[in-house]
Amino acid sequence: MQIDLNSTFGGAMGWGAGIYWFFQGFRDLKARRVMENIPTSKIMTGAVGSDVEIKGKVVCEAEKLVTAPISKSPCAFYSIEIQELRRRKNSTYWHTVDQYYSDEGFYVDDDSGATALVFVDKAKITRKGGNNSYRIKSNNFPQMPATLTDSLAFYKKQLRHFKLKETSWLFSKEYKFIEWCFFAGETVYVLGYAESGLKLLPKQKKKLSANDYNKVTKAIQSDPKMISRFDTNKDGKLDFEELQQGAKVVADKILEKYSRKKLEDLLPKTKMVFRHKKGHHFHISNMKEEDLTKKIAQLSALKIWGGPALTIACTLFLLFQWEIL
C-alpha cells in the first residue's frame, strides 16, 4: 500500500477544519443571541462593568487623519492584514502571517454627552463593503508603493512574523496586503465588556522606527529655524544632546493621535472603555445590527451543516487512502 503523504495531510486538515467550523457555528449563534438580547445603550447612561452595546460615530480631527497605504484614503483608523500564498500538492491557499493597526483604537461619540474609547486588539471585525488589497512577490518588494513601504517600516514593531526583506526570484514568495478602514464620522456598532473611563490610564507612547527617527534628525539639521529652536547653549550648532532632545520633541508631535486641546475635550467625556476581555464577546461593525445578526445567522448555519459534511467527506477519503474501505 502506497500512501500519498500530502493528500493524507490535506485530508487530516480538512477533517479538523470541519470539526472546528461545527463548534464555531454554535459559538457564532451564541454571539448572535447576545446581540439580540442586549439593547443599544447611550454611552452616558450605559452600565459599565458589564456587556454593553453602543452605536455612534468615529471621532477624529481632520488634521489627525491618517492615510491608508493602499487606497490612499484619509481615515481615522486602518488595518493591514498580510497573507502569504502557500501551496499544497494540487492547490494553493492564502495564509495570514501578520496584521497591524494604525493605532490602538479610536473614540466613538453618540451625542449623549459622553464618548467611548475602543481598543480593537482581538475584536471581531465585521464590515460591509469591499476591502482594498495589493499583491506582490518578495523579489519585487522595491517596486512596492511608497505609502505601503513607509507604513510597514513605521509599524514594524507590531509585525511578529513578516519581514520586509527582498529575496531572489528563485526563493520569492507571493504576498497579499489587505486593507480596511474606519472613517471619521462613520457610524459603528460596538458590543463588548465596558470598563469605566475613570480607570483609563494614559496610553503608552509609541516610538518612531529607526529609519523615521533618522529622517527627523536630518530634517532638524537642515532647518535653520529648528536649529535655532533647539540650540540651548546658543553656539550656532546642535550637539548630540540638543539634537536628540529636538528629535524627541518633534517625534512626540508626529505620534500624537489627537491634539492636546482635543484630548482635554475627549478624556473627561470618556465614560466607557471597550477592550478584549476573556469570556465576553467583543464585536465591532459598521453594519446595521439587523443586517449583522442576519449575516451571522447565515454563516453559522453554513458552518454547522458544512462542518460535519467536510469531516465526513475527509474521513471517507482517508479510509479509502489507507485502503480500509
C-alpha atoms as a PDB file:
ATOM      1  CA  MET A   1       0.000   0.000   0.000  1.00  0.00           C
ATOM      2  CA  GLN A   2       1.413   3.360  -1.075  1.00  0.00           C
ATOM      3  CA  ILE A   3       0.155   6.405   0.823  1.00  0.00           C
ATOM      4  CA  ASP A   4       0.373   9.947  -0.543  1.00  0.00           C
ATOM      5  CA  LEU A   5       1.533  11.965   2.473  1.00  0.00           C
ATOM      6  CA  ASN A   6       0.424  15.306   1.008  1.00  0.00           C
ATOM      7  CA  SER A   7      -3.093  14.017   0.352  1.00  0.00           C
ATOM      8  CA  THR A   8      -3.227  12.419   3.785  1.00  0.00           C
ATOM      9  CA  PHE A   9      -2.147  15.657   5.431  1.00  0.00           C
ATOM     10  CA  GLY A  10      -4.740  17.625   3.444  1.00  0.00           C
ATOM     11  CA  GLY A  11      -7.457  15.178   4.411  1.00  0.00           C
ATOM     12  CA  ALA A  12      -6.499  15.375   8.077  1.00  0.00           C
ATOM     13  CA  MET A  13      -6.528  19.186   7.932  1.00  0.00           C
ATOM     14  CA  GLY A  14      -9.967  19.143   6.327  1.00  0.00           C
ATOM     15  CA  TRP A  15     -11.223  16.692   8.970  1.00  0.00           C
ATOM     16  CA  GLY A  16     -10.067  19.002  11.750  1.00  0.00           C
ATOM     17  CA  ALA A  17     -11.421  22.115   9.992  1.00  0.00           C
ATOM     18  CA  GLY A  18     -14.859  20.529   9.715  1.00  0.00           C
ATOM     19  CA  ILE A  19     -14.993  19.894  13.462  1.00  0.00           C
ATOM     20  CA  TYR A  20     -13.756  23.428  14.190  1.00  0.00           C
ATOM     21  CA  TRP A  21     -16.382  25.017  11.911  1.00  0.00           C
ATOM     22  CA  PHE A  22     -19.132  22.940  13.536  1.00  0.00           C
ATOM     23  CA  PHE A  23     -18.392  24.220  17.048  1.00  0.00           C
ATOM     24  CA  GLN A  24     -17.571  27.727  15.756  1.00  0.00           C
ATOM     25  CA  GLY A  25     -21.030  27.841  14.198  1.00  0.00           C
ATOM     26  CA  PHE A  26     -22.641  27.326  17.602  1.00  0.00           C
ATOM     27  CA  ARG A  27     -20.366  29.984  19.133  1.00  0.00           C
ATOM     28  CA  ASP A  28     -21.481  32.394  16.408  1.00  0.00           C
ATOM     29  CA  LEU A  29     -25.132  31.612  17.163  1.00  0.00           C
ATOM     30  CA  LYS A  30     -24.485  32.353  20.828  1.00  0.00           C
ATOM     31  CA  ALA A  31     -22.910  35.691  19.866  1.00  0.00           C
ATOM     32  CA  ARG A  32     -25.981  36.456  17.735  1.00  0.00           C
ATOM     33  CA  ARG A  33     -28.302  35.789  20.674  1.00  0.00           C
ATOM     34  CA  VAL A  34     -26.204  38.087  22.855  1.00  0.00           C
ATOM     35  CA  MET A  35     -26.513  40.861  20.253  1.00  0.00           C
ATOM     36  CA  GLU A  36     -30.278  40.414  20.046  1.00  0.00           C
ATOM     37  CA  ASN A  37     -30.763  40.283  23.827  1.00  0.00           C
ATOM     38  CA  ILE A  38     -28.663  43.329  24.767  1.00  0.00           C
ATOM     39  CA  PRO A  39     -30.397  46.628  23.941  1.00  0.00           C
ATOM     40  CA  THR A  40     -28.429  49.526  22.496  1.00  0.00           C
ATOM     41  CA  SER A  41     -27.375  51.888  25.301  1.00  0.00           C
ATOM     42  CA  LYS A  42     -26.317  55.500  25.342  1.00  0.00           C
ATOM     43  CA  ILE A  43     -22.692  55.932  26.348  1.00  0.00           C
ATOM     44  CA  MET A  44     -23.622  58.454  29.027  1.00  0.00           C
ATOM     45  CA  THR A  45     -26.165  56.180  30.754  1.00  0.00           C
ATOM     46  CA  GLY A  46     -24.896  52.679  29.892  1.00  0.00           C
ATOM     47  CA  ALA A  47     -23.927  50.354  32.745  1.00  0.00           C
ATOM     48  CA  VAL A  48     -20.143  49.961  32.952  1.00  0.00           C
ATOM     49  CA  GLY A  49     -18.752  46.722  34.348  1.00  0.00           C
ATOM     50  CA  SER A  50     -20.996  44.623  32.104  1.00  0.00           C
ATOM     51  CA  ASP A  51     -21.591  43.751  28.452  1.00  0.00           C
ATOM     52  CA  VAL A  52     -22.840  46.850  26.646  1.00  0.00           C
ATOM     53  CA  GLU A  53     -23.955  47.605  23.099  1.00  0.00           C
ATOM     54  CA  ILE A  54     -23.464  51.119  21.691  1.00  0.00           C
ATOM     55  CA  LYS A  55     -23.813  52.829  18.333  1.00  0.00           C
ATOM     56  CA  GLY A  56     -22.115  56.093  17.445  1.00  0.00           C
ATOM     57  CA  LYS A  57     -19.778  57.908  15.087  1.00  0.00           C
ATOM     58  CA  VAL A  58     -15.989  57.618  14.937  1.00  0.00           C
ATOM     59  CA  VAL A  59     -14.345  60.806  16.250  1.00  0.00           C
ATOM     60  CA  CYS A  60     -11.140  62.154  14.746  1.00  0.00           C
ATOM     61  CA  GLU A  61      -9.840  65.644  13.987  1.00  0.00           C
ATOM     62  CA  ALA A  62      -9.268  66.473  10.339  1.00  0.00           C
ATOM     63  CA  GLU A  63      -5.584  67.247  10.910  1.00  0.00           C
ATOM     64  CA  LYS A  64      -5.071  63.923  12.694  1.00  0.00           C
ATOM     65  CA  LEU A  65      -6.450  61.701   9.951  1.00  0.00           C
ATOM     66  CA  VAL A  66      -4.057  59.027   8.668  1.00  0.00           C
ATOM     67  CA  THR A  67      -3.640  57.995   5.042  1.00  0.00           C
ATOM     68  CA  ALA A  68      -4.446  54.366   4.308  1.00  0.00           C
ATOM     69  CA  PRO A  69      -1.388  52.965   2.491  1.00  0.00           C
ATOM     70  CA  ILE A  70      -3.187  51.050  -0.284  1.00  0.00           C
ATOM     71  CA  SER A  71      -6.305  53.095  -1.063  1.00  0.00           C
ATOM     72  CA  LYS A  72      -4.549  56.338  -0.037  1.00  0.00           C
ATOM     73  CA  SER A  73      -7.831  57.403   1.597  1.00  0.00           C
ATOM     74  CA  PRO A  74      -7.804  59.696   4.657  1.00  0.00           C
ATOM     75  CA  CYS A  75      -9.257  57.764   7.580  1.00  0.00           C
ATOM     76  CA  ALA A  76      -9.339  57.666  11.375  1.00  0.00           C
ATOM     77  CA  PHE A  77      -8.024  54.109  11.628  1.00  0.00           C
ATOM     78  CA  TYR A  78      -6.809  51.357   9.312  1.00  0.00           C
ATOM     79  CA  SER A  79      -5.691  47.746   9.477  1.00  0.00           C
ATOM     80  CA  ILE A  80      -3.316  45.853   7.199  1.00  0.00           C
ATOM     81  CA  GLU A  81      -3.587  42.055   7.101  1.00  0.00           C
ATOM     82  CA  ILE A  82      -0.630  40.288   5.468  1.00  0.00           C
ATOM     83  CA  GLN A  83      -1.252  36.976   3.724  1.00  0.00           C
ATOM     84  CA  GLU A  84       1.205  34.594   2.076  1.00  0.00           C
ATOM     85  CA  LEU A  85       0.325  32.336  -0.864  1.00  0.00           C
ATOM     86  CA  ARG A  86       1.070  28.768   0.127  1.00  0.00           C
ATOM     87  CA  ARG A  87       0.918  25.625  -1.951  1.00  0.00           C
ATOM     88  CA  ARG A  88      -0.151  22.061  -1.429  1.00  0.00           C
ATOM     89  CA  LYS A  89       0.311  19.343  -3.972  1.00  0.00           C
ATOM     90  CA  ASN A  90      -2.698  20.210  -6.105  1.00  0.00           C
ATOM     91  CA  SER A  91      -3.894  23.536  -4.719  1.00  0.00           C
ATOM     92  CA  THR A  92      -2.927  26.918  -3.284  1.00  0.00           C
ATOM     93  CA  TYR A  93      -4.354  28.974  -0.435  1.00  0.00           C
ATOM     94  CA  TRP A  94      -3.777  32.296   1.317  1.00  0.00           C
ATOM     95  CA  HIS A  95      -2.440  32.067   4.876  1.00  0.00           C
ATOM     96  CA  THR A  96      -2.492  35.082   7.222  1.00  0.00           C
ATOM     97  CA  VAL A  97       1.007  35.633   8.613  1.00  0.00           C
ATOM     98  CA  ASP A  98       0.640  39.022  10.307  1.00  0.00           C
ATOM     99  CA  GLN A  99      -1.561  42.055  10.925  1.00  0.00           C
ATOM    100  CA  TYR A 100      -1.090  45.553  12.274  1.00  0.00           C
ATOM    101  CA  TYR A 101      -3.189  48.615  13.093  1.00  0.00           C
ATOM    102  CA  SER A 102      -2.561  52.327  12.567  1.00  0.00           C
ATOM    103  CA  ASP A 103      -3.349  52.928  16.240  1.00  0.00           C
ATOM    104  CA  GLU A 104      -4.517  51.086  19.355  1.00  0.00           C
ATOM    105  CA  GLY A 105      -8.081  52.259  18.871  1.00  0.00           C
ATOM    106  CA  PHE A 106     -10.457  55.176  18.322  1.00  0.00           C
ATOM    107  CA  TYR A 107     -13.159  57.240  20.023  1.00  0.00           C
ATOM    108  CA  VAL A 108     -16.904  56.868  19.445  1.00  0.00           C
ATOM    109  CA  ASP A 109     -19.416  59.650  20.138  1.00  0.00           C
ATOM    110  CA  ASP A 110     -23.196  59.049  20.202  1.00  0.00           C
ATOM    111  CA  ASP A 111     -24.269  62.634  21.046  1.00  0.00           C
ATOM    112  CA  SER A 112     -25.240  61.603  24.573  1.00  0.00           C
ATOM    113  CA  GLY A 113     -22.644  63.894  26.151  1.00  0.00           C
ATOM    114  CA  ALA A 114     -20.054  61.123  26.627  1.00  0.00           C
ATOM    115  CA  THR A 115     -17.597  59.203  24.448  1.00  0.00           C
ATOM    116  CA  ALA A 116     -16.249  55.649  24.392  1.00  0.00           C
ATOM    117  CA  LEU A 117     -12.689  54.568  23.675  1.00  0.00           C
ATOM    118  CA  VAL A 118     -12.493  51.327  21.677  1.00  0.00           C
ATOM    119  CA  PHE A 119      -9.257  49.278  21.636  1.00  0.00           C
ATOM    120  CA  VAL A 120      -9.521  46.985  18.610  1.00  0.00           C
ATOM    121  CA  ASP A 121      -6.983  44.278  19.502  1.00  0.00           C
ATOM    122  CA  LYS A 122      -8.631  40.798  19.395  1.00  0.00           C
ATOM    123  CA  ALA A 123     -12.020  42.249  18.453  1.00  0.00           C
ATOM    124  CA  LYS A 124     -14.216  40.503  15.884  1.00  0.00           C
ATOM    125  CA  ILE A 125     -14.442  42.981  12.992  1.00  0.00           C
ATOM    126  CA  THR A 126     -17.342  42.684  10.526  1.00  0.00           C
ATOM    127  CA  ARG A 127     -17.559  45.280   7.757  1.00  0.00           C
ATOM    128  CA  LYS A 128     -19.840  45.970   4.847  1.00  0.00           C
ATOM    129  CA  GLY A 129     -18.220  46.919   1.574  1.00  0.00           C
ATOM    130  CA  GLY A 130     -15.088  45.553  -0.021  1.00  0.00           C
ATOM    131  CA  ASN A 131     -11.512  45.721   1.180  1.00  0.00           C
ATOM    132  CA  ASN A 132      -8.557  47.071  -0.760  1.00  0.00           C
ATOM    133  CA  SER A 133      -5.690  44.704  -1.480  1.00  0.00           C
ATOM    134  CA  TYR A 134      -2.274  44.684  -3.104  1.00  0.00           C
ATOM    135  CA  ARG A 135      -0.322  41.619  -4.317  1.00  0.00           C
ATOM    136  CA  ILE A 136       3.415  41.418  -4.875  1.00  0.00           C
ATOM    137  CA  LYS A 137       6.241  38.882  -4.887  1.00  0.00           C
ATOM    138  CA  SER A 138       9.069  39.295  -2.384  1.00  0.00           C
ATOM    139  CA  ASN A 139      11.677  39.690  -5.123  1.00  0.00           C
ATOM    140  CA  ASN A 140       9.738  42.786  -6.287  1.00  0.00           C
ATOM    141  CA  PHE A 141       9.468  44.482  -2.874  1.00  0.00           C
ATOM    142  CA  PRO A 142      11.445  47.550  -4.126  1.00  0.00           C
ATOM    143  CA  GLN A 143       8.548  48.204  -6.552  1.00  0.00           C
ATOM    144  CA  MET A 144       6.013  48.370  -3.710  1.00  0.00           C
ATOM    145  CA  PRO A 145       4.144  51.718  -3.422  1.00  0.00           C
ATOM    146  CA  ALA A 146       5.994  54.117  -1.131  1.00  0.00           C
ATOM    147  CA  THR A 147       2.915  54.607   1.068  1.00  0.00           C
ATOM    148  CA  LEU A 148       2.760  50.885   1.870  1.00  0.00           C
ATOM    149  CA  THR A 149       6.542  50.599   2.329  1.00  0.00           C
ATOM    150  CA  ASP A 150       6.558  53.540   4.749  1.00  0.00           C
ATOM    151  CA  SER A 151       3.604  52.101   6.663  1.00  0.00           C
ATOM    152  CA  LEU A 152       5.292  48.703   7.061  1.00  0.00           C
ATOM    153  CA  ALA A 153       8.509  50.385   8.226  1.00  0.00           C
ATOM    154  CA  PHE A 154       6.692  52.643  10.695  1.00  0.00           C
ATOM    155  CA  TYR A 155       4.729  49.795  12.319  1.00  0.00           C
ATOM    156  CA  LYS A 156       7.377  47.092  12.017  1.00  0.00           C
ATOM    157  CA  LYS A 157       7.423  46.567  15.804  1.00  0.00           C
ATOM    158  CA  GLN A 158       3.858  45.281  15.550  1.00  0.00           C
ATOM    159  CA  LEU A 159       4.922  42.676  12.990  1.00  0.00           C
ATOM    160  CA  ARG A 160       5.915  39.409  14.633  1.00  0.00           C
ATOM    161  CA  HIS A 161       6.348  37.158  11.600  1.00  0.00           C
ATOM    162  CA  PHE A 162       6.545  39.257   8.422  1.00  0.00           C
ATOM    163  CA  LYS A 163       9.812  40.916   7.381  1.00  0.00           C
ATOM    164  CA  LEU A 164      10.011  43.385   4.508  1.00  0.00           C
ATOM    165  CA  LYS A 165      13.086  41.767   3.002  1.00  0.00           C
ATOM    166  CA  GLU A 166      13.765  41.421  -0.702  1.00  0.00           C
ATOM    167  CA  THR A 167      14.576  37.910  -1.948  1.00  0.00           C
ATOM    168  CA  SER A 168      15.891  36.495  -5.206  1.00  0.00           C
ATOM    169  CA  TRP A 169      13.319  35.353  -7.771  1.00  0.00           C
ATOM    170  CA  LEU A 170      14.306  31.751  -7.065  1.00  0.00           C
ATOM    171  CA  PHE A 171      13.187  31.953  -3.413  1.00  0.00           C
ATOM    172  CA  SER A 172      10.450  34.555  -3.843  1.00  0.00           C
ATOM    173  CA  LYS A 173       7.098  34.280  -2.089  1.00  0.00           C
ATOM    174  CA  GLU A 174       3.858  35.959  -3.078  1.00  0.00           C
ATOM    175  CA  TYR A 175       2.127  38.190  -0.534  1.00  0.00           C
ATOM    176  CA  LYS A 176      -1.232  39.940  -0.397  1.00  0.00           C
ATOM    177  CA  PHE A 177      -1.799  43.028   1.758  1.00  0.00           C
ATOM    178  CA  ILE A 178      -5.456  43.582   2.700  1.00  0.00           C
ATOM    179  CA  GLU A 179      -6.568  46.983   3.976  1.00  0.00           C
ATOM    180  CA  TRP A 180      -9.738  48.053   5.756  1.00  0.00           C
ATOM    181  CA  CYS A 181     -10.522  51.386   7.377  1.00  0.00           C
ATOM    182  CA  PHE A 182     -12.828  53.211   9.745  1.00  0.00           C
ATOM    183  CA  PHE A 183     -13.518  56.767   8.645  1.00  0.00           C
ATOM    184  CA  ALA A 184     -14.146  59.892  10.692  1.00  0.00           C
ATOM    185  CA  GLY A 185     -17.900  60.365  11.067  1.00  0.00           C
ATOM    186  CA  GLU A 186     -18.646  56.743  10.119  1.00  0.00           C
ATOM    187  CA  THR A 187     -21.319  55.054  12.225  1.00  0.00           C
ATOM    188  CA  VAL A 188     -20.073  51.950  14.048  1.00  0.00           C
ATOM    189  CA  TYR A 189     -21.687  49.352  16.280  1.00  0.00           C
ATOM    190  CA  VAL A 190     -19.726  48.069  19.292  1.00  0.00           C
ATOM    191  CA  LEU A 191     -20.655  45.177  21.588  1.00  0.00           C
ATOM    192  CA  GLY A 192     -18.345  44.197  24.421  1.00  0.00           C
ATOM    193  CA  TYR A 193     -17.414  44.477  28.059  1.00  0.00           C
ATOM    194  CA  ALA A 194     -17.375  48.153  29.028  1.00  0.00           C
ATOM    195  CA  GLU A 195     -14.891  49.344  31.619  1.00  0.00           C
ATOM    196  CA  SER A 196     -15.206  52.682  33.350  1.00  0.00           C
ATOM    197  CA  GLY A 197     -13.495  55.611  31.658  1.00  0.00           C
ATOM    198  CA  LEU A 198     -12.460  56.824  35.105  1.00  0.00           C
ATOM    199  CA  LYS A 199      -9.935  53.975  35.195  1.00  0.00           C
ATOM    200  CA  LEU A 200      -8.460  54.995  31.846  1.00  0.00           C
ATOM    201  CA  LEU A 201      -4.687  55.058  32.014  1.00  0.00           C
ATOM    202  CA  PRO A 202      -2.604  57.262  29.714  1.00  0.00           C
ATOM    203  CA  LYS A 203      -1.727  55.433  26.549  1.00  0.00           C
ATOM    204  CA  GLN A 204       1.848  54.294  26.256  1.00  0.00           C
ATOM    205  CA  LYS A 205       3.598  56.399  23.647  1.00  0.00           C
ATOM    206  CA  LYS A 206       4.818  54.673  20.556  1.00  0.00           C
ATOM    207  CA  LYS A 207       8.280  55.241  19.212  1.00  0.00           C
ATOM    208  CA  LEU A 208       9.351  56.141  15.738  1.00  0.00           C
ATOM    209  CA  SER A 209      11.168  53.487  13.773  1.00  0.00           C
ATOM    210  CA  ALA A 210      14.917  53.983  13.462  1.00  0.00           C
ATOM    211  CA  ASN A 211      14.558  54.939   9.807  1.00  0.00           C
ATOM    212  CA  ASP A 212      11.899  57.573  10.531  1.00  0.00           C
ATOM    213  CA  TYR A 213      13.856  58.835  13.550  1.00  0.00           C
ATOM    214  CA  ASN A 214      16.887  59.412  11.315  1.00  0.00           C
ATOM    215  CA  LYS A 215      14.673  61.340   8.889  1.00  0.00           C
ATOM    216  CA  VAL A 216      13.523  63.570  11.751  1.00  0.00           C
ATOM    217  CA  THR A 217      17.097  64.335  12.871  1.00  0.00           C
ATOM    218  CA  LYS A 218      18.151  65.142   9.293  1.00  0.00           C
ATOM    219  CA  ALA A 219      15.156  67.442   8.881  1.00  0.00           C
ATOM    220  CA  ILE A 220      16.093  69.305  12.069  1.00  0.00           C
ATOM    221  CA  GLN A 221      19.730  69.666  10.984  1.00  0.00           C
ATOM    222  CA  SER A 222      18.688  71.118   7.612  1.00  0.00           C
ATOM    223  CA  ASP A 223      16.226  73.677   9.013  1.00  0.00           C
ATOM    224  CA  PRO A 224      17.784  76.904  10.439  1.00  0.00           C
ATOM    225  CA  LYS A 225      14.639  77.660  12.454  1.00  0.00           C
ATOM    226  CA  MET A 226      14.718  74.216  14.067  1.00  0.00           C
ATOM    227  CA  ILE A 227      18.432  74.561  14.817  1.00  0.00           C
ATOM    228  CA  SER A 228      17.789  77.902  16.495  1.00  0.00           C
ATOM    229  CA  ARG A 229      14.887  76.463  18.473  1.00  0.00           C
ATOM    230  CA  PHE A 230      16.838  73.539  19.959  1.00  0.00           C
ATOM    231  CA  ASP A 231      20.259  75.247  20.259  1.00  0.00           C
ATOM    232  CA  THR A 232      20.041  75.696  24.041  1.00  0.00           C
ATOM    233  CA  ASN A 233      23.637  76.895  24.528  1.00  0.00           C
ATOM    234  CA  LYS A 234      23.344  79.289  21.535  1.00  0.00           C
ATOM    235  CA  ASP A 235      26.633  78.260  19.925  1.00  0.00           C
ATOM    236  CA  GLY A 236      25.052  78.173  16.460  1.00  0.00           C
ATOM    237  CA  LYS A 237      25.027  74.405  16.107  1.00  0.00           C
ATOM    238  CA  LEU A 238      23.385  71.363  17.651  1.00  0.00           C
ATOM    239  CA  ASP A 239      25.453  68.988  19.731  1.00  0.00           C
ATOM    240  CA  PHE A 240      24.377  65.372  20.242  1.00  0.00           C
ATOM    241  CA  GLU A 241      22.162  66.016  23.300  1.00  0.00           C
ATOM    242  CA  GLU A 242      20.444  69.022  21.712  1.00  0.00           C
ATOM    243  CA  LEU A 243      19.772  67.064  18.525  1.00  0.00           C
ATOM    244  CA  GLN A 244      18.336  64.106  20.440  1.00  0.00           C
ATOM    245  CA  GLN A 245      16.119  66.369  22.529  1.00  0.00           C
ATOM    246  CA  GLY A 246      14.880  68.115  19.410  1.00  0.00           C
ATOM    247  CA  ALA A 247      14.159  64.815  17.681  1.00  0.00           C
ATOM    248  CA  LYS A 248      12.208  63.632  20.739  1.00  0.00           C
ATOM    249  CA  VAL A 249      10.032  66.762  20.747  1.00  0.00           C
ATOM    250  CA  VAL A 250       9.299  66.524  17.023  1.00  0.00           C
ATOM    251  CA  ALA A 251       8.650  62.757  17.236  1.00  0.00           C
ATOM    252  CA  ASP A 252       6.145  63.248  20.076  1.00  0.00           C
ATOM    253  CA  LYS A 253       4.268  65.748  17.928  1.00  0.00           C
ATOM    254  CA  ILE A 254       4.236  63.372  14.970  1.00  0.00           C
ATOM    255  CA  LEU A 255       2.934  60.486  17.073  1.00  0.00           C
ATOM    256  CA  GLU A 256       0.094  62.395  18.733  1.00  0.00           C
ATOM    257  CA  LYS A 257      -3.165  60.878  17.538  1.00  0.00           C
ATOM    258  CA  TYR A 258      -5.183  63.734  18.971  1.00  0.00           C
ATOM    259  CA  SER A 259      -4.187  67.309  19.730  1.00  0.00           C
ATOM    260  CA  ARG A 260      -3.849  68.405  23.358  1.00  0.00           C
ATOM    261  CA  LYS A 261      -6.974  70.530  23.026  1.00  0.00           C
ATOM    262  CA  LYS A 262      -8.944  67.602  21.623  1.00  0.00           C
ATOM    263  CA  LEU A 263      -7.726  65.249  24.368  1.00  0.00           C
ATOM    264  CA  GLU A 264      -8.711  67.784  27.019  1.00  0.00           C
ATOM    265  CA  ASP A 265     -12.165  67.674  25.466  1.00  0.00           C
ATOM    266  CA  LEU A 266     -12.376  63.901  24.957  1.00  0.00           C
ATOM    267  CA  LEU A 267     -10.845  62.376  28.085  1.00  0.00           C
ATOM    268  CA  PRO A 268     -13.217  63.901  30.678  1.00  0.00           C
ATOM    269  CA  LYS A 269     -16.125  62.766  28.473  1.00  0.00           C
ATOM    270  CA  THR A 270     -14.833  59.198  28.105  1.00  0.00           C
ATOM    271  CA  LYS A 271     -17.190  57.144  30.221  1.00  0.00           C
ATOM    272  CA  MET A 272     -16.623  53.731  28.621  1.00  0.00           C
ATOM    273  CA  VAL A 273     -13.559  51.814  27.504  1.00  0.00           C
ATOM    274  CA  PHE A 274     -14.023  48.727  25.332  1.00  0.00           C
ATOM    275  CA  ARG A 275     -11.262  46.138  25.052  1.00  0.00           C
ATOM    276  CA  HIS A 276     -10.982  42.362  24.756  1.00  0.00           C
ATOM    277  CA  LYS A 277     -11.910  40.550  27.951  1.00  0.00           C
ATOM    278  CA  LYS A 278     -11.793  36.767  28.219  1.00  0.00           C
ATOM    279  CA  GLY A 279     -15.227  35.172  28.361  1.00  0.00           C
ATOM    280  CA  HIS A 280     -17.002  38.158  26.761  1.00  0.00           C
ATOM    281  CA  HIS A 281     -17.990  38.812  23.168  1.00  0.00           C
ATOM    282  CA  PHE A 282     -16.236  41.770  21.536  1.00  0.00           C
ATOM    283  CA  HIS A 283     -17.605  42.837  18.177  1.00  0.00           C
ATOM    284  CA  ILE A 284     -17.110  45.980  16.065  1.00  0.00           C
ATOM    285  CA  SER A 285     -19.020  46.609  12.856  1.00  0.00           C
ATOM    286  CA  ASN A 286     -20.138  49.386  10.529  1.00  0.00           C
ATOM    287  CA  MET A 287     -23.250  47.358   9.634  1.00  0.00           C
ATOM    288  CA  LYS A 288     -26.760  47.847  10.983  1.00  0.00           C
ATOM    289  CA  GLU A 289     -27.493  45.435  13.829  1.00  0.00           C
ATOM    290  CA  GLU A 290     -30.266  43.619  11.942  1.00  0.00           C
ATOM    291  CA  ASP A 291     -28.006  43.141   8.902  1.00  0.00           C
ATOM    292  CA  LEU A 292     -25.157  41.966  11.121  1.00  0.00           C
ATOM    293  CA  THR A 293     -27.252  39.376  13.002  1.00  0.00           C
ATOM    294  CA  LYS A 294     -28.685  38.112   9.701  1.00  0.00           C
ATOM    295  CA  LYS A 295     -25.198  37.667   8.260  1.00  0.00           C
ATOM    296  CA  ILE A 296     -24.015  35.848  11.394  1.00  0.00           C
ATOM    297  CA  ALA A 297     -27.048  33.525  11.230  1.00  0.00           C
ATOM    298  CA  GLN A 298     -26.302  32.628   7.606  1.00  0.00           C
ATOM    299  CA  LEU A 299     -22.605  31.976   8.244  1.00  0.00           C
ATOM    300  CA  SER A 300     -23.279  29.941  11.412  1.00  0.00           C
ATOM    301  CA  ALA A 301     -25.780  27.732   9.540  1.00  0.00           C
ATOM    302  CA  LEU A 302     -23.169  27.151   6.834  1.00  0.00           C
ATOM    303  CA  LYS A 303     -20.600  26.155   9.468  1.00  0.00           C
ATOM    304  CA  ILE A 304     -22.956  23.916  11.464  1.00  0.00           C
ATOM    305  CA  TRP A 305     -24.071  21.963   8.405  1.00  0.00           C
ATOM    306  CA  GLY A 306     -20.972  22.304   6.245  1.00  0.00           C
ATOM    307  CA  GLY A 307     -18.503  21.422   9.015  1.00  0.00           C
ATOM    308  CA  PRO A 308     -19.781  17.856   9.607  1.00  0.00           C
ATOM    309  CA  ALA A 309     -20.164  17.349   5.843  1.00  0.00           C
ATOM    310  CA  LEU A 310     -16.494  18.254   5.360  1.00  0.00           C
ATOM    311  CA  THR A 311     -15.414  15.996   8.238  1.00  0.00           C
ATOM    312  CA  ILE A 312     -17.400  13.032   6.854  1.00  0.00           C
ATOM    313  CA  ALA A 313     -16.004  13.564   3.343  1.00  0.00           C
ATOM    314  CA  CYS A 314     -12.434  13.749   4.656  1.00  0.00           C
ATOM    315  CA  THR A 315     -12.980  10.667   6.829  1.00  0.00           C
ATOM    316  CA  LEU A 316     -14.126   8.657   3.794  1.00  0.00           C
ATOM    317  CA  PHE A 317     -11.198   9.989   1.773  1.00  0.00           C
ATOM    318  CA  LEU A 318      -8.709   8.918   4.454  1.00  0.00           C
ATOM    319  CA  LEU A 319     -10.310   5.468   4.766  1.00  0.00           C
ATOM    320  CA  PHE A 320     -10.008   4.951   1.009  1.00  0.00           C
ATOM    321  CA  GLN A 321      -6.487   6.379   1.093  1.00  0.00           C
ATOM    322  CA  TRP A 322      -5.487   3.804   3.704  1.00  0.00           C
ATOM    323  CA  GLU A 323      -7.457   1.082   1.830  1.00  0.00           C
ATOM    324  CA  ILE A 324      -9.639   0.398   4.852  1.00  0.00           C
ATOM    325  CA  LEU A 325     -12.764   0.698   2.671  1.00  0.00           C
END
